């Protein structure tokens, strides 16, 4: 993927040099075509086509959603069909608690953007269906690295935490197909990104050496 108003740089040439001897189809994607002229896009395409014989060249705009469906279709058309490793009704091989924690974390990042760095993780403490009602009770802890981050996540009078919880609850109800009572707590855990056991829960491979 390249931008149409940028010259071919050493990084591009390095990648292209390593593509010459592979059999995998390579697609050139020109992004941000909404901010330049058609002539600039054409010049960029011709410049890159002189360096490599791409299977397809697709101008797109991710921001404006231009040709995105075409890009997806093109990528899928080159992917060989493989064996079915899981039943057709499986949507993931990760446990439910992991999905819940990722949905909550996604809402945190969506609402706070650059205010809180990615030093946030969510741990689901419990998930229980009530005996007398079709309601799934979920209790989860949001961990951050600083007290200042905790204050931002909670917000004035708890407003931000309620927004995060409400948005996550709606998505979780669609996922589980039942009413959700979501109880969120925010705690500070300094240096959690250096904690091996926490990183393993995220699925990262830890080098024991």
N, C-alpha and C. Protein backbone atom coordinates (compact mmCIF):
# COMPACT_ATOMS: atom_id res chain seq x y z
N UNK A 1 0.84 -1.18 0.00
CA UNK A 1 0.00 0.00 0.00
C UNK A 1 0.88 1.24 0.00
N UNK A 2 0.58 2.17 -0.91
CA UNK A 2 1.36 3.39 -1.04
C UNK A 2 0.42 4.58 -1.17
N UNK A 3 0.99 5.77 -1.10
CA UNK A 3 0.24 7.00 -1.32
C UNK A 3 0.62 7.59 -2.67
N UNK A 4 -0.32 8.21 -3.37
CA UNK A 4 -0.08 8.62 -4.75
C UNK A 4 0.86 9.80 -4.94
N UNK A 5 1.06 10.61 -3.92
CA UNK A 5 1.88 11.81 -4.08
C UNK A 5 3.24 11.67 -3.40
N UNK A 6 3.69 10.41 -3.25
CA UNK A 6 4.97 10.15 -2.58
C UNK A 6 5.89 9.42 -3.56
N UNK A 7 7.14 9.86 -3.64
CA UNK A 7 8.11 9.22 -4.51
C UNK A 7 8.47 7.83 -3.98
N UNK A 8 8.91 6.97 -4.89
CA UNK A 8 9.37 5.64 -4.49
C UNK A 8 10.63 5.80 -3.66
N UNK A 9 10.58 5.31 -2.43
CA UNK A 9 11.71 5.46 -1.52
C UNK A 9 12.51 4.18 -1.38
N UNK A 10 13.59 4.24 -0.62
CA UNK A 10 14.42 3.04 -0.42
C UNK A 10 13.68 1.90 0.25
N UNK A 11 12.72 2.24 1.14
CA UNK A 11 11.93 1.19 1.78
C UNK A 11 11.05 0.46 0.78
N UNK A 12 10.44 1.23 -0.14
CA UNK A 12 9.62 0.61 -1.19
C UNK A 12 10.47 -0.31 -2.06
N UNK A 13 11.64 0.17 -2.47
CA UNK A 13 12.52 -0.62 -3.34
C UNK A 13 12.99 -1.89 -2.63
N UNK A 14 13.24 -1.77 -1.33
CA UNK A 14 13.68 -2.94 -0.56
C UNK A 14 12.60 -4.02 -0.57
N UNK A 15 11.35 -3.60 -0.36
CA UNK A 15 10.23 -4.55 -0.36
C UNK A 15 10.05 -5.17 -1.73
N UNK A 16 10.08 -4.33 -2.77
CA UNK A 16 9.88 -4.82 -4.13
C UNK A 16 10.97 -5.81 -4.53
N UNK A 17 12.21 -5.54 -4.13
CA UNK A 17 13.31 -6.46 -4.44
C UNK A 17 13.07 -7.84 -3.85
N UNK A 18 12.41 -7.89 -2.68
CA UNK A 18 12.16 -9.17 -2.03
C UNK A 18 10.89 -9.84 -2.56
N UNK A 19 10.13 -9.14 -3.41
CA UNK A 19 8.93 -9.74 -3.99
C UNK A 19 9.21 -10.45 -5.30
N UNK A 20 10.37 -10.17 -5.90
CA UNK A 20 10.65 -10.66 -7.25
C UNK A 20 10.65 -12.17 -7.33
N UNK A 21 11.16 -12.85 -6.33
CA UNK A 21 11.33 -14.31 -6.39
C UNK A 21 10.25 -15.09 -5.66
N UNK A 22 9.10 -14.47 -5.39
CA UNK A 22 8.03 -15.20 -4.71
C UNK A 22 6.89 -15.47 -5.69
N UNK A 23 6.12 -16.53 -5.40
CA UNK A 23 5.02 -16.92 -6.28
C UNK A 23 3.69 -16.32 -5.84
N UNK A 24 3.65 -15.73 -4.67
CA UNK A 24 2.40 -15.18 -4.14
C UNK A 24 1.96 -13.96 -4.96
N UNK A 25 0.69 -13.88 -5.37
CA UNK A 25 0.21 -12.69 -6.09
C UNK A 25 0.36 -11.43 -5.25
N UNK A 26 0.81 -10.37 -5.86
CA UNK A 26 1.03 -9.11 -5.16
C UNK A 26 0.11 -8.04 -5.76
N UNK A 27 -0.62 -7.36 -4.89
CA UNK A 27 -1.55 -6.30 -5.31
C UNK A 27 -0.99 -4.96 -4.86
N UNK A 28 -0.98 -4.00 -5.77
CA UNK A 28 -0.57 -2.64 -5.43
C UNK A 28 -1.82 -1.83 -5.09
N UNK A 29 -1.86 -1.29 -3.87
CA UNK A 29 -2.99 -0.50 -3.42
C UNK A 29 -2.54 0.95 -3.28
N UNK A 30 -3.20 1.84 -4.02
CA UNK A 30 -2.91 3.27 -3.95
C UNK A 30 -3.97 3.91 -3.07
N UNK A 31 -3.60 4.32 -1.87
CA UNK A 31 -4.56 4.91 -0.94
C UNK A 31 -4.57 6.44 -1.04
N UNK A 32 -5.58 7.05 -0.46
CA UNK A 32 -5.75 8.51 -0.39
C UNK A 32 -5.96 9.15 -1.76
N UNK A 33 -6.68 8.44 -2.65
CA UNK A 33 -6.92 9.02 -3.97
C UNK A 33 -7.92 10.16 -3.93
N UNK A 34 -8.56 10.36 -2.77
CA UNK A 34 -9.55 11.43 -2.64
C UNK A 34 -8.90 12.80 -2.45
N UNK A 35 -7.60 12.84 -2.22
CA UNK A 35 -6.95 14.12 -1.93
C UNK A 35 -5.99 14.57 -3.03
N UNK A 36 -5.94 13.81 -4.13
CA UNK A 36 -5.07 14.18 -5.25
C UNK A 36 -5.84 14.07 -6.56
N UNK A 37 -5.24 14.55 -7.63
CA UNK A 37 -5.88 14.50 -8.94
C UNK A 37 -5.73 13.11 -9.56
N UNK A 38 -6.57 12.86 -10.58
CA UNK A 38 -6.48 11.58 -11.31
C UNK A 38 -5.12 11.45 -11.98
N UNK A 39 -4.57 12.55 -12.44
CA UNK A 39 -3.27 12.52 -13.10
C UNK A 39 -2.17 12.06 -12.14
N UNK A 40 -2.26 12.53 -10.89
CA UNK A 40 -1.27 12.13 -9.89
C UNK A 40 -1.37 10.64 -9.58
N UNK A 41 -2.58 10.13 -9.49
CA UNK A 41 -2.79 8.70 -9.25
C UNK A 41 -2.22 7.89 -10.41
N UNK A 42 -2.50 8.31 -11.63
CA UNK A 42 -2.00 7.58 -12.82
C UNK A 42 -0.48 7.58 -12.86
N UNK A 43 0.13 8.71 -12.52
CA UNK A 43 1.59 8.78 -12.51
C UNK A 43 2.18 7.84 -11.47
N UNK A 44 1.54 7.76 -10.31
CA UNK A 44 2.01 6.87 -9.26
C UNK A 44 1.91 5.41 -9.68
N UNK A 45 0.80 5.07 -10.32
CA UNK A 45 0.61 3.69 -10.80
C UNK A 45 1.69 3.32 -11.81
N UNK A 46 1.93 4.20 -12.78
CA UNK A 46 2.94 3.92 -13.80
C UNK A 46 4.33 3.81 -13.19
N UNK A 47 4.61 4.62 -12.19
CA UNK A 47 5.91 4.60 -11.54
C UNK A 47 6.17 3.25 -10.87
N UNK A 48 5.16 2.72 -10.17
CA UNK A 48 5.34 1.45 -9.47
C UNK A 48 5.28 0.26 -10.43
N UNK A 49 4.50 0.38 -11.49
CA UNK A 49 4.41 -0.73 -12.45
C UNK A 49 5.71 -0.93 -13.21
N UNK A 50 6.52 0.10 -13.28
CA UNK A 50 7.83 -0.04 -13.91
C UNK A 50 8.78 -0.86 -13.05
N UNK A 51 8.48 -0.95 -11.77
CA UNK A 51 9.36 -1.66 -10.84
C UNK A 51 8.95 -3.10 -10.60
N UNK A 52 7.65 -3.41 -10.82
CA UNK A 52 7.18 -4.76 -10.50
C UNK A 52 5.91 -5.06 -11.28
N UNK A 53 5.76 -6.33 -11.64
CA UNK A 53 4.58 -6.77 -12.39
C UNK A 53 3.48 -7.21 -11.41
N UNK A 54 2.70 -6.21 -10.93
CA UNK A 54 1.65 -6.51 -9.96
C UNK A 54 0.49 -7.24 -10.62
N UNK A 55 -0.12 -8.15 -9.86
CA UNK A 55 -1.29 -8.87 -10.36
C UNK A 55 -2.48 -7.94 -10.55
N UNK A 56 -2.63 -6.98 -9.64
CA UNK A 56 -3.71 -6.00 -9.74
C UNK A 56 -3.23 -4.69 -9.15
N UNK A 57 -3.81 -3.61 -9.64
CA UNK A 57 -3.54 -2.28 -9.09
C UNK A 57 -4.89 -1.65 -8.75
N UNK A 58 -5.06 -1.30 -7.47
CA UNK A 58 -6.35 -0.79 -7.01
C UNK A 58 -6.20 0.56 -6.32
N UNK A 59 -6.71 1.63 -6.92
CA UNK A 59 -6.75 2.92 -6.23
C UNK A 59 -7.93 2.92 -5.25
N UNK A 60 -7.67 3.35 -4.01
CA UNK A 60 -8.73 3.37 -3.00
C UNK A 60 -8.64 4.64 -2.15
N UNK A 61 -9.69 4.87 -1.40
CA UNK A 61 -9.66 5.85 -0.31
C UNK A 61 -10.27 5.19 0.91
N UNK A 62 -9.44 4.86 1.88
CA UNK A 62 -9.95 4.24 3.10
C UNK A 62 -10.86 5.19 3.86
N UNK A 63 -10.53 6.48 3.83
CA UNK A 63 -11.32 7.47 4.55
C UNK A 63 -12.70 7.63 3.94
N UNK A 64 -12.77 7.66 2.62
CA UNK A 64 -14.04 7.88 1.92
C UNK A 64 -14.73 6.57 1.52
N UNK A 65 -14.13 5.43 1.89
CA UNK A 65 -14.69 4.11 1.59
C UNK A 65 -14.84 3.90 0.08
N UNK A 66 -13.88 4.36 -0.67
CA UNK A 66 -13.90 4.22 -2.13
C UNK A 66 -13.13 2.97 -2.54
N UNK A 67 -13.81 2.07 -3.24
CA UNK A 67 -13.23 0.82 -3.77
C UNK A 67 -12.80 -0.16 -2.69
N UNK A 68 -13.29 0.02 -1.47
CA UNK A 68 -12.91 -0.90 -0.39
C UNK A 68 -13.51 -2.29 -0.62
N UNK A 69 -14.78 -2.33 -1.04
CA UNK A 69 -15.40 -3.64 -1.33
C UNK A 69 -14.68 -4.34 -2.47
N UNK A 70 -14.27 -3.57 -3.47
CA UNK A 70 -13.52 -4.14 -4.59
C UNK A 70 -12.19 -4.71 -4.12
N UNK A 71 -11.54 -4.00 -3.20
CA UNK A 71 -10.27 -4.48 -2.66
C UNK A 71 -10.46 -5.80 -1.91
N UNK A 72 -11.50 -5.86 -1.08
CA UNK A 72 -11.78 -7.10 -0.34
C UNK A 72 -12.03 -8.26 -1.30
N UNK A 73 -12.86 -8.00 -2.31
CA UNK A 73 -13.19 -9.05 -3.29
C UNK A 73 -11.93 -9.52 -4.03
N UNK A 74 -11.07 -8.58 -4.38
CA UNK A 74 -9.85 -8.93 -5.11
C UNK A 74 -8.91 -9.77 -4.26
N UNK A 75 -8.76 -9.38 -3.00
CA UNK A 75 -7.89 -10.15 -2.09
C UNK A 75 -8.42 -11.57 -1.93
N UNK A 76 -9.72 -11.69 -1.69
CA UNK A 76 -10.32 -13.01 -1.50
C UNK A 76 -10.16 -13.87 -2.75
N UNK A 77 -10.23 -13.25 -3.92
CA UNK A 77 -10.14 -14.01 -5.17
C UNK A 77 -8.78 -14.68 -5.34
N UNK A 78 -7.75 -14.15 -4.68
CA UNK A 78 -6.41 -14.73 -4.81
C UNK A 78 -6.08 -15.69 -3.67
N UNK A 79 -6.94 -15.78 -2.66
CA UNK A 79 -6.66 -16.65 -1.53
C UNK A 79 -7.15 -18.07 -1.82
N UNK A 80 -6.29 -19.06 -1.80
CA UNK A 80 -6.73 -20.44 -2.05
C UNK A 80 -7.61 -20.96 -0.92
N UNK A 81 -8.57 -21.78 -1.25
CA UNK A 81 -9.46 -22.35 -0.24
C UNK A 81 -8.72 -23.40 0.56
N UNK A 82 -8.79 -23.29 1.87
CA UNK A 82 -8.09 -24.22 2.74
C UNK A 82 -9.05 -25.14 3.48
N UNK A 83 -8.52 -26.02 4.31
CA UNK A 83 -9.38 -26.95 5.07
C UNK A 83 -10.20 -26.21 6.12
N UNK A 84 -11.35 -26.76 6.49
CA UNK A 84 -12.20 -26.17 7.52
C UNK A 84 -11.77 -26.72 8.87
N UNK A 85 -11.10 -25.88 9.64
CA UNK A 85 -10.55 -26.32 10.92
C UNK A 85 -11.59 -26.28 12.04
N UNK A 86 -12.63 -25.47 11.89
CA UNK A 86 -13.64 -25.33 12.93
C UNK A 86 -15.04 -25.47 12.32
N UNK A 87 -16.03 -25.85 13.12
CA UNK A 87 -17.42 -25.92 12.63
C UNK A 87 -17.88 -24.57 12.08
N UNK A 88 -18.82 -24.60 11.15
CA UNK A 88 -19.25 -23.40 10.45
C UNK A 88 -19.91 -22.38 11.37
N UNK A 89 -20.45 -22.81 12.52
CA UNK A 89 -21.12 -21.86 13.43
C UNK A 89 -20.15 -21.25 14.44
N UNK A 90 -18.86 -21.58 14.37
CA UNK A 90 -17.86 -20.98 15.25
C UNK A 90 -17.45 -19.62 14.70
N UNK A 91 -17.45 -18.59 15.55
CA UNK A 91 -16.99 -17.28 15.11
C UNK A 91 -15.60 -16.97 15.65
N UNK A 92 -15.11 -17.73 16.61
CA UNK A 92 -13.77 -17.51 17.15
C UNK A 92 -13.35 -18.74 17.96
N UNK A 93 -12.03 -18.86 18.14
CA UNK A 93 -11.51 -19.94 18.99
C UNK A 93 -11.06 -19.42 20.35
N UNK A 94 -11.34 -18.15 20.62
CA UNK A 94 -10.97 -17.57 21.90
C UNK A 94 -12.12 -17.70 22.90
N UNK A 95 -11.82 -17.81 24.19
CA UNK A 95 -12.87 -17.95 25.21
C UNK A 95 -13.72 -16.69 25.33
N UNK A 96 -14.93 -16.86 25.91
CA UNK A 96 -15.87 -15.76 26.01
C UNK A 96 -15.31 -14.59 26.82
N UNK A 97 -14.60 -14.89 27.90
CA UNK A 97 -14.05 -13.81 28.72
C UNK A 97 -13.08 -12.94 27.94
N UNK A 98 -12.32 -13.55 27.05
CA UNK A 98 -11.40 -12.77 26.23
C UNK A 98 -12.16 -11.83 25.31
N UNK A 99 -13.24 -12.30 24.69
CA UNK A 99 -14.05 -11.47 23.81
C UNK A 99 -14.65 -10.29 24.57
N UNK A 100 -15.15 -10.57 25.77
CA UNK A 100 -15.74 -9.51 26.59
C UNK A 100 -14.70 -8.45 26.92
N UNK A 101 -13.51 -8.88 27.35
CA UNK A 101 -12.47 -7.93 27.72
C UNK A 101 -12.04 -7.08 26.54
N UNK A 102 -11.96 -7.67 25.34
CA UNK A 102 -11.55 -6.93 24.16
C UNK A 102 -12.61 -5.92 23.72
N UNK A 103 -13.87 -6.28 23.87
CA UNK A 103 -14.95 -5.35 23.53
C UNK A 103 -14.93 -4.13 24.45
N UNK A 104 -14.74 -4.37 25.74
CA UNK A 104 -14.66 -3.27 26.70
C UNK A 104 -13.45 -2.39 26.40
N UNK A 105 -12.33 -3.01 26.13
CA UNK A 105 -11.10 -2.27 25.84
C UNK A 105 -11.26 -1.44 24.57
N UNK A 106 -11.93 -2.00 23.58
CA UNK A 106 -12.17 -1.27 22.34
C UNK A 106 -12.95 0.02 22.60
N UNK A 107 -13.96 -0.06 23.46
CA UNK A 107 -14.77 1.12 23.77
C UNK A 107 -13.94 2.18 24.50
N UNK A 108 -13.04 1.73 25.36
CA UNK A 108 -12.17 2.67 26.05
C UNK A 108 -11.33 3.46 25.05
N UNK A 109 -10.72 2.74 24.12
CA UNK A 109 -9.87 3.40 23.14
C UNK A 109 -10.67 4.28 22.20
N UNK A 110 -11.89 3.85 21.85
CA UNK A 110 -12.73 4.65 20.95
C UNK A 110 -13.13 5.98 21.59
N UNK A 111 -13.48 5.94 22.86
CA UNK A 111 -13.96 7.15 23.52
C UNK A 111 -12.83 8.08 23.94
N UNK A 112 -11.70 7.50 24.33
CA UNK A 112 -10.63 8.33 24.89
C UNK A 112 -9.57 8.71 23.87
N UNK A 113 -9.50 7.99 22.75
CA UNK A 113 -8.56 8.28 21.68
C UNK A 113 -7.15 8.49 22.22
N UNK A 114 -6.61 9.72 22.10
CA UNK A 114 -5.22 9.95 22.49
C UNK A 114 -5.06 10.34 23.95
N UNK A 115 -6.18 10.46 24.68
CA UNK A 115 -6.08 10.90 26.08
C UNK A 115 -5.41 9.84 26.95
N UNK A 116 -5.70 8.59 26.66
CA UNK A 116 -5.11 7.49 27.43
C UNK A 116 -4.36 6.59 26.46
N UNK A 117 -3.07 6.37 26.67
CA UNK A 117 -2.33 5.50 25.76
C UNK A 117 -2.81 4.06 25.85
N UNK A 118 -2.21 3.22 25.06
CA UNK A 118 -2.67 1.82 25.01
C UNK A 118 -2.22 1.02 26.22
N UNK A 119 -1.84 1.70 27.29
CA UNK A 119 -1.47 1.01 28.51
C UNK A 119 -2.68 0.68 29.36
N UNK A 120 -3.68 0.08 28.73
CA UNK A 120 -4.92 -0.29 29.42
C UNK A 120 -5.25 -1.73 29.08
N UNK A 121 -5.59 -2.51 30.07
CA UNK A 121 -6.10 -3.85 29.78
C UNK A 121 -7.30 -4.14 30.67
N UNK A 122 -8.11 -5.08 30.24
CA UNK A 122 -9.36 -5.40 30.93
C UNK A 122 -9.34 -6.86 31.35
N UNK A 123 -9.71 -7.10 32.59
CA UNK A 123 -9.76 -8.46 33.12
C UNK A 123 -11.18 -8.75 33.60
N UNK A 124 -11.80 -9.75 33.01
CA UNK A 124 -13.16 -10.14 33.39
C UNK A 124 -13.08 -11.04 34.61
N UNK A 125 -13.65 -10.59 35.71
CA UNK A 125 -13.55 -11.33 36.97
C UNK A 125 -14.60 -12.44 37.05
N UNK A 126 -15.81 -12.15 36.58
CA UNK A 126 -16.87 -13.16 36.66
C UNK A 126 -17.93 -12.95 35.59
N UNK A 127 -18.54 -14.05 35.16
CA UNK A 127 -19.67 -14.04 34.23
C UNK A 127 -20.66 -15.09 34.72
N UNK A 128 -21.84 -14.64 35.19
CA UNK A 128 -22.82 -15.58 35.73
C UNK A 128 -24.22 -15.20 35.26
N UNK A 129 -24.99 -16.19 34.86
CA UNK A 129 -26.39 -15.97 34.51
C UNK A 129 -27.24 -16.09 35.76
N UNK A 130 -28.10 -15.12 35.99
CA UNK A 130 -28.95 -15.13 37.18
C UNK A 130 -29.91 -16.32 37.15
N UNK A 131 -30.15 -16.86 38.31
CA UNK A 131 -31.03 -18.04 38.40
C UNK A 131 -32.49 -17.68 38.12
N UNK A 132 -32.90 -16.47 38.52
CA UNK A 132 -34.31 -16.12 38.41
C UNK A 132 -34.64 -15.31 37.15
N UNK A 133 -33.62 -14.82 36.43
CA UNK A 133 -33.87 -14.00 35.26
C UNK A 133 -32.86 -14.34 34.16
N UNK A 134 -33.26 -14.06 32.91
CA UNK A 134 -32.36 -14.28 31.79
C UNK A 134 -31.44 -13.07 31.62
N UNK A 135 -30.59 -12.85 32.62
CA UNK A 135 -29.65 -11.74 32.62
C UNK A 135 -28.27 -12.27 32.94
N UNK A 136 -27.30 -11.86 32.13
CA UNK A 136 -25.92 -12.27 32.36
C UNK A 136 -25.20 -11.15 33.11
N UNK A 137 -24.75 -11.46 34.33
CA UNK A 137 -24.00 -10.50 35.13
C UNK A 137 -22.52 -10.63 34.83
N UNK A 138 -21.90 -9.52 34.43
CA UNK A 138 -20.48 -9.50 34.12
C UNK A 138 -19.79 -8.46 35.00
N UNK A 139 -18.76 -8.88 35.69
CA UNK A 139 -17.95 -7.95 36.47
C UNK A 139 -16.55 -7.92 35.88
N UNK A 140 -16.05 -6.73 35.56
CA UNK A 140 -14.74 -6.61 34.92
C UNK A 140 -13.96 -5.45 35.53
N UNK A 141 -12.63 -5.61 35.53
CA UNK A 141 -11.74 -4.58 36.04
C UNK A 141 -10.94 -3.98 34.89
N UNK A 142 -10.91 -2.66 34.83
CA UNK A 142 -10.10 -1.94 33.86
C UNK A 142 -8.81 -1.51 34.57
N UNK A 143 -7.67 -1.98 34.08
CA UNK A 143 -6.40 -1.64 34.70
C UNK A 143 -5.65 -0.64 33.82
N UNK A 144 -5.12 0.39 34.46
CA UNK A 144 -4.30 1.37 33.76
C UNK A 144 -3.01 1.58 34.55
N UNK A 145 -2.10 2.36 34.00
CA UNK A 145 -0.77 2.46 34.61
C UNK A 145 -0.59 3.67 35.52
N UNK A 146 -1.50 4.66 35.43
CA UNK A 146 -1.31 5.88 36.22
C UNK A 146 -2.63 6.32 36.84
N UNK A 147 -2.52 7.01 37.97
CA UNK A 147 -3.70 7.57 38.63
C UNK A 147 -4.40 8.59 37.74
N UNK A 148 -3.60 9.34 36.97
CA UNK A 148 -4.18 10.34 36.07
C UNK A 148 -5.02 9.67 34.98
N UNK A 149 -4.58 8.50 34.52
CA UNK A 149 -5.34 7.76 33.53
C UNK A 149 -6.64 7.23 34.12
N UNK A 150 -6.57 6.81 35.37
CA UNK A 150 -7.78 6.31 36.06
C UNK A 150 -8.83 7.40 36.12
N UNK A 151 -8.41 8.63 36.45
CA UNK A 151 -9.35 9.74 36.54
C UNK A 151 -9.99 10.04 35.19
N UNK A 152 -9.20 9.92 34.11
CA UNK A 152 -9.74 10.18 32.77
C UNK A 152 -10.75 9.12 32.38
N UNK A 153 -10.45 7.85 32.68
CA UNK A 153 -11.34 6.75 32.32
C UNK A 153 -12.67 6.88 33.08
N UNK A 154 -12.60 7.23 34.33
CA UNK A 154 -13.83 7.38 35.12
C UNK A 154 -14.60 8.62 34.68
N UNK A 155 -13.89 9.72 34.47
CA UNK A 155 -14.53 10.95 34.04
C UNK A 155 -15.21 11.69 35.16
N UNK A 156 -15.68 12.89 34.86
CA UNK A 156 -16.36 13.71 35.86
C UNK A 156 -17.65 13.05 36.29
N UNK A 157 -17.78 12.83 37.58
CA UNK A 157 -18.96 12.18 38.16
C UNK A 157 -19.24 10.80 37.56
N UNK A 158 -18.17 10.16 37.05
CA UNK A 158 -18.32 8.81 36.50
C UNK A 158 -18.95 8.76 35.12
N UNK A 159 -19.06 9.91 34.44
CA UNK A 159 -19.77 9.95 33.16
C UNK A 159 -19.08 9.14 32.07
N UNK A 160 -17.74 9.24 31.98
CA UNK A 160 -17.03 8.53 30.92
C UNK A 160 -17.12 7.02 31.13
N UNK A 161 -16.99 6.56 32.36
CA UNK A 161 -17.08 5.13 32.63
C UNK A 161 -18.48 4.61 32.28
N UNK A 162 -19.50 5.41 32.55
CA UNK A 162 -20.86 4.99 32.19
C UNK A 162 -21.04 4.91 30.68
N UNK A 163 -20.44 5.85 29.95
CA UNK A 163 -20.52 5.81 28.48
C UNK A 163 -19.83 4.57 27.93
N UNK A 164 -18.66 4.27 28.49
CA UNK A 164 -17.92 3.08 28.06
C UNK A 164 -18.73 1.83 28.35
N UNK A 165 -19.28 1.75 29.57
CA UNK A 165 -20.06 0.58 29.96
C UNK A 165 -21.32 0.42 29.14
N UNK A 166 -22.01 1.51 28.86
CA UNK A 166 -23.24 1.45 28.09
C UNK A 166 -22.98 0.96 26.67
N UNK A 167 -21.93 1.50 26.04
CA UNK A 167 -21.59 1.11 24.68
C UNK A 167 -21.17 -0.35 24.61
N UNK A 168 -20.36 -0.78 25.59
CA UNK A 168 -19.91 -2.18 25.63
C UNK A 168 -21.08 -3.12 25.88
N UNK A 169 -21.99 -2.71 26.77
CA UNK A 169 -23.13 -3.56 27.10
C UNK A 169 -24.01 -3.82 25.87
N UNK A 170 -24.23 -2.80 25.06
CA UNK A 170 -25.06 -2.97 23.86
C UNK A 170 -24.45 -4.00 22.91
N UNK A 171 -23.14 -3.89 22.71
CA UNK A 171 -22.47 -4.84 21.81
C UNK A 171 -22.45 -6.24 22.41
N UNK A 172 -22.28 -6.34 23.71
CA UNK A 172 -22.27 -7.65 24.36
C UNK A 172 -23.64 -8.31 24.31
N UNK A 173 -24.71 -7.51 24.43
CA UNK A 173 -26.06 -8.07 24.34
C UNK A 173 -26.32 -8.62 22.95
N UNK A 174 -25.80 -7.96 21.93
CA UNK A 174 -25.93 -8.48 20.56
C UNK A 174 -25.13 -9.76 20.38
N UNK A 175 -23.97 -9.82 21.04
CA UNK A 175 -23.11 -11.00 20.93
C UNK A 175 -23.72 -12.21 21.62
N UNK A 176 -24.22 -12.01 22.84
CA UNK A 176 -24.72 -13.14 23.63
C UNK A 176 -26.21 -13.38 23.45
N UNK A 177 -26.92 -12.43 22.87
CA UNK A 177 -28.35 -12.61 22.64
C UNK A 177 -29.18 -12.61 23.90
N UNK A 178 -28.74 -11.85 24.91
CA UNK A 178 -29.50 -11.75 26.15
C UNK A 178 -29.13 -10.44 26.86
N UNK A 179 -29.93 -10.09 27.88
CA UNK A 179 -29.67 -8.89 28.64
C UNK A 179 -28.37 -9.04 29.45
N UNK A 180 -27.64 -7.92 29.52
CA UNK A 180 -26.35 -7.92 30.22
C UNK A 180 -26.38 -6.86 31.32
N UNK A 181 -25.91 -7.24 32.50
CA UNK A 181 -25.64 -6.25 33.55
C UNK A 181 -24.12 -6.20 33.67
N UNK A 182 -23.55 -5.05 33.27
CA UNK A 182 -22.09 -4.92 33.23
C UNK A 182 -21.62 -4.00 34.36
N UNK A 183 -20.78 -4.54 35.22
CA UNK A 183 -20.25 -3.80 36.36
C UNK A 183 -18.75 -3.59 36.14
N UNK A 184 -18.35 -2.31 35.96
CA UNK A 184 -16.96 -2.00 35.65
C UNK A 184 -16.28 -1.29 36.82
N UNK A 185 -15.03 -1.66 37.06
CA UNK A 185 -14.21 -1.03 38.10
C UNK A 185 -12.88 -0.64 37.48
N UNK A 186 -12.32 0.48 37.91
CA UNK A 186 -11.04 0.97 37.37
C UNK A 186 -9.99 0.92 38.46
N UNK A 187 -8.85 0.29 38.16
CA UNK A 187 -7.76 0.19 39.12
C UNK A 187 -6.43 0.54 38.44
N UNK A 188 -5.48 0.97 39.23
CA UNK A 188 -4.14 1.27 38.73
C UNK A 188 -3.23 0.07 38.99
N UNK A 189 -2.53 -0.36 37.97
CA UNK A 189 -1.54 -1.42 38.13
C UNK A 189 -0.29 -0.98 37.36
N UNK A 190 0.64 -0.39 38.06
CA UNK A 190 1.83 0.16 37.42
C UNK A 190 2.71 -0.94 36.83
N UNK A 191 3.22 -0.66 35.62
CA UNK A 191 4.15 -1.59 34.99
C UNK A 191 3.56 -2.90 34.54
N UNK A 192 2.25 -2.93 34.28
CA UNK A 192 1.64 -4.22 33.91
C UNK A 192 2.17 -4.75 32.59
N UNK A 193 2.65 -3.85 31.72
CA UNK A 193 3.14 -4.32 30.42
C UNK A 193 4.46 -5.08 30.52
N UNK A 194 5.07 -5.06 31.70
CA UNK A 194 6.27 -5.87 31.96
C UNK A 194 5.94 -7.16 32.70
N UNK A 195 4.65 -7.40 32.93
CA UNK A 195 4.22 -8.59 33.66
C UNK A 195 3.98 -9.74 32.68
N UNK A 196 4.79 -10.79 32.77
CA UNK A 196 4.75 -11.89 31.81
C UNK A 196 3.41 -12.60 31.82
N UNK A 197 2.84 -12.84 32.99
CA UNK A 197 1.59 -13.60 33.07
C UNK A 197 0.44 -12.83 32.41
N UNK A 198 0.42 -11.49 32.57
CA UNK A 198 -0.62 -10.69 31.95
C UNK A 198 -0.46 -10.71 30.44
N UNK A 199 0.77 -10.58 29.95
CA UNK A 199 1.02 -10.59 28.51
C UNK A 199 0.64 -11.93 27.89
N UNK A 200 0.85 -13.01 28.64
CA UNK A 200 0.46 -14.33 28.13
C UNK A 200 -1.06 -14.44 27.98
N UNK A 201 -1.80 -13.79 28.87
CA UNK A 201 -3.25 -13.80 28.77
C UNK A 201 -3.72 -13.12 27.49
N UNK A 202 -2.92 -12.17 26.99
CA UNK A 202 -3.24 -11.50 25.73
C UNK A 202 -2.86 -12.34 24.52
N UNK A 203 -2.14 -13.44 24.76
CA UNK A 203 -1.76 -14.31 23.66
C UNK A 203 -0.41 -14.01 23.07
N UNK A 204 0.38 -13.12 23.69
CA UNK A 204 1.69 -12.81 23.18
C UNK A 204 2.65 -13.94 23.51
N UNK A 205 3.57 -14.21 22.60
CA UNK A 205 4.59 -15.23 22.84
C UNK A 205 5.76 -14.57 23.58
N UNK A 206 6.08 -15.10 24.72
CA UNK A 206 7.15 -14.52 25.53
C UNK A 206 8.44 -15.31 25.32
N UNK A 207 9.49 -14.59 24.98
CA UNK A 207 10.81 -15.21 24.79
C UNK A 207 11.41 -15.48 26.17
N UNK A 208 11.55 -16.75 26.53
CA UNK A 208 12.06 -17.10 27.85
C UNK A 208 13.55 -16.81 27.98
N UNK A 209 14.22 -16.59 26.86
CA UNK A 209 15.65 -16.28 26.92
C UNK A 209 15.88 -14.81 27.25
